[in-house]
Amino acid sequence: MISINMTGISAASRDLSVTANNLANARTTGFKRSMASFTEVRSESLDATPGTETGSGTRTAEVRRTSQQGSMDSTDKALDIAVNGAGFFVYGDAKGQTGTDVSYTFSRSGSLTIAANGNLTDTNGSPLLGLPVLNSGGTGGNPQPINLSMAAGGDLSKIQTIGIDSRGIVSVQLADGRVTKVAAVALASFRNDTGLKSASGSALTETDASGPPEFSQPTYNGVGEIKQGALEGANVDLTQEMLHMISAQQAYNGNARAMQTSSEMLRSAIETLSR
């Protein structure tokens, strides 16, 4: 009995941890809440009739990230962008990329800034990756940092406005009125995006379960469009999470009390038999 109560405590503790992480990231841009699901631990008795085995407790079956879209919160800032629909922004390594040693992270957060070298980066300094604009006017090639410096002739102070349209095309208007296309924001899609691994905040990394990323321009190949001047809020409902935490806490306390009672009964039985 004690071992069964211990599985209940372990499951409730895991549930509390997942819920606490949801609450901690309720204001994190682009964060997706997770849910823990549980399954019964069956008896290992070989003599039991199939379908009548006595349960041996519970265990965590999986922790699954939800994919529901968060709210589109208007900021009116040119360097705030959001994905309306499927797909993830692609970020490179803040320390730079060399050769084939490429490190990607994926996120729904598009809160950007301009680094000293002209790259569009997130708050951690990781460059936002895009697809180069070709001479034909289209886009293609491998994702690379979106850099505004070349379009501005090496002088970022010449940039008057930055535009990012629904198809992800990044363009700059210079002081002399010229408008230059820089790149198209790259969006990544996955065979199983719930298989992505959480890194920190809203950042995710590829796993075998997710499969490799497929890069596309926004509005192509099933990915969403870009909204400039907006950020996607976390899809966390504070009231729902607080109610779930109370339920998980009650489950934890109930199993802890049951384990204490079982322990006291066992001790009483041992004392009785030893007399």
Protein backbone atom coordinates (compact mmCIF):
# COMPACT_ATOMS: atom_id res chain seq x y z
CA MET A 1 0.00 0.00 0.00
CA ILE A 2 2.81 2.39 0.87
CA SER A 3 4.40 1.89 -2.55
CA ILE A 4 1.07 2.73 -4.22
CA ASN A 5 0.82 5.94 -2.19
CA MET A 6 4.37 6.82 -3.21
CA THR A 7 3.45 6.58 -6.90
CA GLY A 8 0.53 8.92 -6.22
CA ILE A 9 2.80 11.43 -4.48
CA SER A 10 5.29 11.24 -7.35
CA ALA A 11 2.56 11.80 -9.96
CA ALA A 12 1.01 14.70 -8.04
CA SER A 13 4.45 16.24 -7.58
CA ARG A 14 5.06 16.05 -11.33
CA ASP A 15 1.66 17.60 -12.01
CA LEU A 16 2.44 20.45 -9.59
CA SER A 17 5.80 21.04 -11.28
CA VAL A 18 4.25 21.28 -14.76
CA THR A 19 1.49 23.61 -13.53
CA ALA A 20 3.99 25.81 -11.66
CA ASN A 21 6.04 26.15 -14.85
CA ASN A 22 2.91 27.22 -16.74
CA LEU A 23 2.16 29.86 -14.13
CA ALA A 24 5.76 31.10 -14.07
CA ASN A 25 5.62 31.67 -17.84
CA ALA A 26 2.13 33.15 -18.03
CA ARG A 27 3.64 36.45 -19.17
CA THR A 28 6.35 34.93 -21.39
CA THR A 29 5.85 35.90 -25.03
CA GLY A 30 5.02 32.92 -27.23
CA PHE A 31 5.00 30.38 -24.36
CA LYS A 32 2.88 27.25 -24.77
CA ARG A 33 1.42 25.58 -21.69
CA SER A 34 2.04 21.90 -20.99
CA MET A 35 -0.20 19.22 -19.49
CA ALA A 36 0.82 16.06 -17.68
CA SER A 37 -1.20 12.90 -18.27
CA PHE A 38 -1.09 9.78 -16.12
CA THR A 39 -1.74 6.07 -16.47
CA GLU A 40 -2.35 3.16 -14.11
CA VAL A 41 0.52 0.88 -13.12
CA ARG A 42 -0.72 -2.68 -13.55
CA SER A 43 0.11 -5.57 -11.28
CA GLU A 44 2.88 -7.85 -12.51
CA SER A 45 1.19 -10.98 -11.16
CA LEU A 46 1.27 -13.80 -13.71
CA ASP A 47 -1.70 -15.50 -12.06
CA ALA A 48 -4.15 -12.63 -12.46
CA THR A 49 -6.97 -12.93 -14.99
CA PRO A 50 -6.45 -10.43 -17.84
CA GLY A 51 -8.46 -7.27 -17.24
CA THR A 52 -8.81 -7.92 -13.49
CA GLU A 53 -5.29 -7.06 -12.33
CA THR A 54 -5.09 -5.06 -9.14
CA GLY A 55 -3.64 -1.60 -9.77
CA SER A 56 -0.19 -0.89 -8.39
CA GLY A 57 -0.48 2.90 -8.47
CA THR A 58 -0.02 5.52 -11.14
CA ARG A 59 2.77 7.01 -13.22
CA THR A 60 3.29 9.93 -15.56
CA ALA A 61 2.48 8.83 -19.11
CA GLU A 62 3.70 12.01 -20.81
CA VAL A 63 3.97 15.77 -20.54
CA ARG A 64 2.51 17.25 -23.72
CA ARG A 65 2.87 20.83 -24.89
CA THR A 66 -0.33 22.39 -26.22
CA SER A 67 -0.32 24.18 -29.56
CA GLN A 68 -3.29 26.54 -29.24
CA GLN A 69 -2.57 30.05 -30.48
CA GLY A 70 -2.06 32.71 -27.84
CA SER A 71 -3.61 36.17 -28.02
CA MET A 72 -2.25 38.70 -30.52
CA ASP A 73 -1.18 41.62 -28.34
CA SER A 74 -0.65 44.86 -30.26
CA THR A 75 2.51 46.80 -29.38
CA ASP A 76 2.84 49.09 -32.43
CA LYS A 77 6.60 48.48 -32.35
CA ALA A 78 8.23 47.82 -35.72
CA LEU A 79 10.53 45.15 -34.27
CA ASP A 80 7.76 43.16 -32.59
CA ILE A 81 6.41 40.39 -34.83
CA ALA A 82 4.10 37.42 -34.30
CA VAL A 83 3.09 34.33 -36.27
CA ASN A 84 -0.63 34.11 -36.98
CA GLY A 85 -1.02 30.40 -37.70
CA ALA A 86 1.44 27.51 -37.73
CA GLY A 87 5.22 27.69 -37.65
CA PHE A 88 8.09 28.81 -35.45
CA PHE A 89 10.63 31.59 -35.74
CA VAL A 90 14.16 30.26 -36.28
CA TYR A 91 17.08 31.63 -34.26
CA GLY A 92 20.76 30.95 -34.68
CA ASP A 93 23.57 30.70 -32.16
CA ALA A 94 24.27 33.96 -30.31
CA LYS A 95 27.97 33.04 -30.42
CA GLY A 96 27.94 32.73 -34.20
CA GLN A 97 27.75 29.87 -36.67
CA THR A 98 30.66 28.38 -38.55
CA GLY A 99 30.73 25.76 -41.28
CA THR A 100 28.22 22.99 -40.78
CA ASP A 101 28.13 23.49 -37.02
CA VAL A 102 24.70 25.13 -36.97
CA SER A 103 22.67 25.38 -33.78
CA TYR A 104 19.00 26.32 -34.16
CA THR A 105 16.42 27.22 -31.57
CA PHE A 106 12.73 27.67 -32.38
CA SER A 107 10.24 29.99 -30.75
CA ARG A 108 6.91 31.76 -31.17
CA SER A 109 8.41 34.89 -29.61
CA GLY A 110 9.27 37.69 -32.05
CA SER A 111 10.47 40.45 -29.72
CA LEU A 112 13.46 41.74 -31.70
CA THR A 113 16.23 44.31 -31.49
CA ILE A 114 19.03 45.45 -33.80
CA ALA A 115 22.53 44.34 -32.76
CA ALA A 116 25.59 46.51 -33.33
CA ASN A 117 26.53 44.41 -36.38
CA GLY A 118 23.10 44.97 -37.94
CA ASN A 119 21.57 41.57 -37.15
CA LEU A 120 17.97 41.31 -35.99
CA THR A 121 18.22 39.40 -32.71
CA ASP A 122 16.09 38.25 -29.81
CA THR A 123 16.61 39.50 -26.25
CA ASN A 124 19.40 36.93 -25.73
CA GLY A 125 21.36 38.09 -28.76
CA SER A 126 20.46 35.11 -30.94
CA PRO A 127 20.04 36.19 -34.57
CA LEU A 128 16.67 35.79 -36.26
CA LEU A 129 17.18 33.72 -39.40
CA GLY A 130 15.67 34.44 -42.78
CA LEU A 131 15.74 33.33 -46.40
CA PRO A 132 17.86 35.55 -48.69
CA VAL A 133 16.16 37.66 -51.36
CA LEU A 134 17.32 36.44 -54.78
CA ASN A 135 18.09 38.57 -57.83
CA SER A 136 14.84 37.32 -59.35
CA GLY A 137 12.95 38.95 -56.49
CA GLY A 138 12.01 35.65 -54.87
CA THR A 139 13.57 34.02 -51.82
CA GLY A 140 15.57 30.85 -51.36
CA GLY A 141 18.70 29.26 -49.99
CA ASN A 142 19.53 28.25 -46.45
CA PRO A 143 18.41 30.28 -43.42
CA GLN A 144 20.94 32.91 -42.36
CA PRO A 145 20.95 35.90 -39.98
CA ILE A 146 18.82 38.81 -41.18
CA ASN A 147 21.30 41.69 -41.37
CA LEU A 148 20.24 45.29 -42.09
CA SER A 149 23.73 46.74 -42.33
CA MET A 150 24.39 46.00 -46.02
CA ALA A 151 21.03 47.47 -47.07
CA ALA A 152 21.95 50.64 -45.19
CA GLY A 153 25.38 50.87 -46.81
CA GLY A 154 27.03 49.96 -43.51
CA ASP A 155 25.45 52.91 -41.67
CA LEU A 156 22.45 51.83 -39.59
CA SER A 157 21.65 55.46 -38.77
CA LYS A 158 20.43 55.89 -42.38
CA ILE A 159 17.48 53.56 -41.73
CA GLN A 160 14.26 55.52 -41.29
CA THR A 161 11.71 52.70 -41.07
CA ILE A 162 11.67 48.90 -41.03
CA GLY A 163 8.79 47.05 -42.63
CA ILE A 164 7.87 43.37 -42.32
CA ASP A 165 4.87 42.30 -44.38
CA SER A 166 2.55 39.33 -43.96
CA ARG A 167 4.81 37.16 -46.16
CA GLY A 168 7.75 37.94 -43.87
CA ILE A 169 9.59 40.22 -46.31
CA VAL A 170 11.86 42.53 -44.31
CA SER A 171 12.54 45.86 -45.99
CA VAL A 172 14.17 49.12 -44.90
CA GLN A 173 13.47 52.67 -46.01
CA LEU A 174 16.56 54.88 -46.00
CA ALA A 175 16.88 58.60 -45.41
CA ASP A 176 16.96 59.25 -49.18
CA GLY A 177 13.63 57.49 -49.63
CA ARG A 178 14.98 54.28 -51.16
CA VAL A 179 13.33 51.04 -50.06
CA THR A 180 15.43 47.87 -50.06
CA LYS A 181 14.30 44.29 -49.45
CA VAL A 182 16.63 42.51 -47.04
CA ALA A 183 15.30 38.95 -46.55
CA ALA A 184 12.20 36.94 -45.73
CA VAL A 185 11.67 35.74 -42.17
CA ALA A 186 12.10 31.95 -42.09
CA LEU A 187 9.46 29.84 -40.36
CA ALA A 188 10.05 26.23 -39.35
CA SER A 189 7.46 23.45 -39.30
CA PHE A 190 7.82 19.92 -37.93
CA ARG A 191 6.27 16.52 -38.45
CA ASN A 192 5.42 16.51 -34.72
CA ASP A 193 5.91 19.89 -33.08
CA THR A 194 4.78 18.54 -29.68
CA GLY A 195 8.02 16.53 -29.74
CA LEU A 196 10.15 19.67 -29.52
CA LYS A 197 12.17 19.99 -26.31
CA SER A 198 11.79 23.03 -24.07
CA ALA A 199 15.05 24.91 -23.58
CA SER A 200 14.18 28.04 -21.58
CA GLY A 201 11.18 30.35 -21.61
CA SER A 202 9.56 29.91 -25.02
CA ALA A 203 12.69 28.54 -26.72
CA LEU A 204 12.51 25.01 -28.16
CA THR A 205 15.01 22.62 -29.71
CA GLU A 206 14.71 19.78 -32.22
CA THR A 207 14.48 16.14 -31.09
CA ASP A 208 14.12 12.77 -32.79
CA ALA A 209 10.45 12.85 -31.79
CA SER A 210 9.82 16.19 -33.51
CA GLY A 211 11.72 15.32 -36.65
CA PRO A 212 13.92 17.80 -38.56
CA PRO A 213 12.67 21.31 -39.36
CA GLU A 214 11.29 22.26 -42.75
CA PHE A 215 11.97 25.91 -43.54
CA SER A 216 9.44 28.02 -45.43
CA GLN A 217 8.56 31.62 -46.11
CA PRO A 218 5.46 32.80 -44.21
CA THR A 219 2.12 31.96 -45.92
CA TYR A 220 3.78 29.10 -47.88
CA ASN A 221 3.62 25.33 -47.24
CA GLY A 222 0.98 25.59 -44.54
CA VAL A 223 2.75 28.03 -42.21
CA GLY A 224 1.10 31.22 -40.97
CA GLU A 225 1.48 34.87 -41.76
CA ILE A 226 3.52 37.53 -40.00
CA LYS A 227 1.92 40.31 -37.96
CA GLN A 228 4.19 43.32 -37.46
CA GLY A 229 3.67 45.45 -34.36
CA ALA A 230 2.29 42.57 -32.31
CA LEU A 231 3.46 39.78 -30.01
CA GLU A 232 1.80 36.45 -29.28
CA GLY A 233 0.91 36.08 -25.63
CA ALA A 234 1.25 32.84 -23.68
CA ASN A 235 -1.75 30.49 -24.04
CA VAL A 236 -1.96 30.16 -20.25
CA ASP A 237 -5.27 30.75 -18.44
CA LEU A 238 -4.29 31.82 -14.92
CA THR A 239 -7.62 30.83 -13.38
CA GLN A 240 -7.54 27.38 -14.95
CA GLU A 241 -3.94 26.82 -13.85
CA MET A 242 -4.64 27.91 -10.26
CA LEU A 243 -7.63 25.57 -10.03
CA HIS A 244 -5.54 22.73 -11.43
CA MET A 245 -2.77 23.47 -8.91
CA ILE A 246 -5.27 23.26 -6.04
CA SER A 247 -6.49 19.90 -7.36
CA ALA A 248 -2.93 18.57 -7.71
CA GLN A 249 -2.05 19.82 -4.22
CA GLN A 250 -5.07 18.02 -2.77
CA ALA A 251 -4.02 14.81 -4.54
CA TYR A 252 -0.51 15.19 -3.11
CA ASN A 253 -1.79 15.81 0.43
CA GLY A 254 -4.29 12.93 0.20
CA ASN A 255 -1.61 10.44 -0.84
CA ALA A 256 0.76 11.75 1.83
CA ARG A 257 -1.89 11.25 4.55
CA ALA A 258 -2.73 7.77 3.21
CA MET A 259 0.94 6.81 3.27
CA GLN A 260 1.28 8.06 6.83
CA THR A 261 -1.80 6.03 7.88
CA SER A 262 -0.44 2.91 6.14
CA SER A 263 2.90 3.39 7.87
CA GLU A 264 1.24 3.70 11.27
CA MET A 265 -0.89 0.59 10.62
CA LEU A 266 2.20 -1.39 9.60
CA ARG A 267 4.12 -0.25 12.67
CA SER A 268 1.17 -1.17 14.91
CA ALA A 269 0.99 -4.63 13.32
CA ILE A 270 4.72 -5.20 13.81
CA GLU A 271 4.51 -4.15 17.48
CA THR A 272 1.55 -6.47 18.03
CA LEU A 273 3.30 -9.45 16.45
CA SER A 274 6.50 -8.83 18.41
CA ARG A 275 4.77 -9.09 21.79
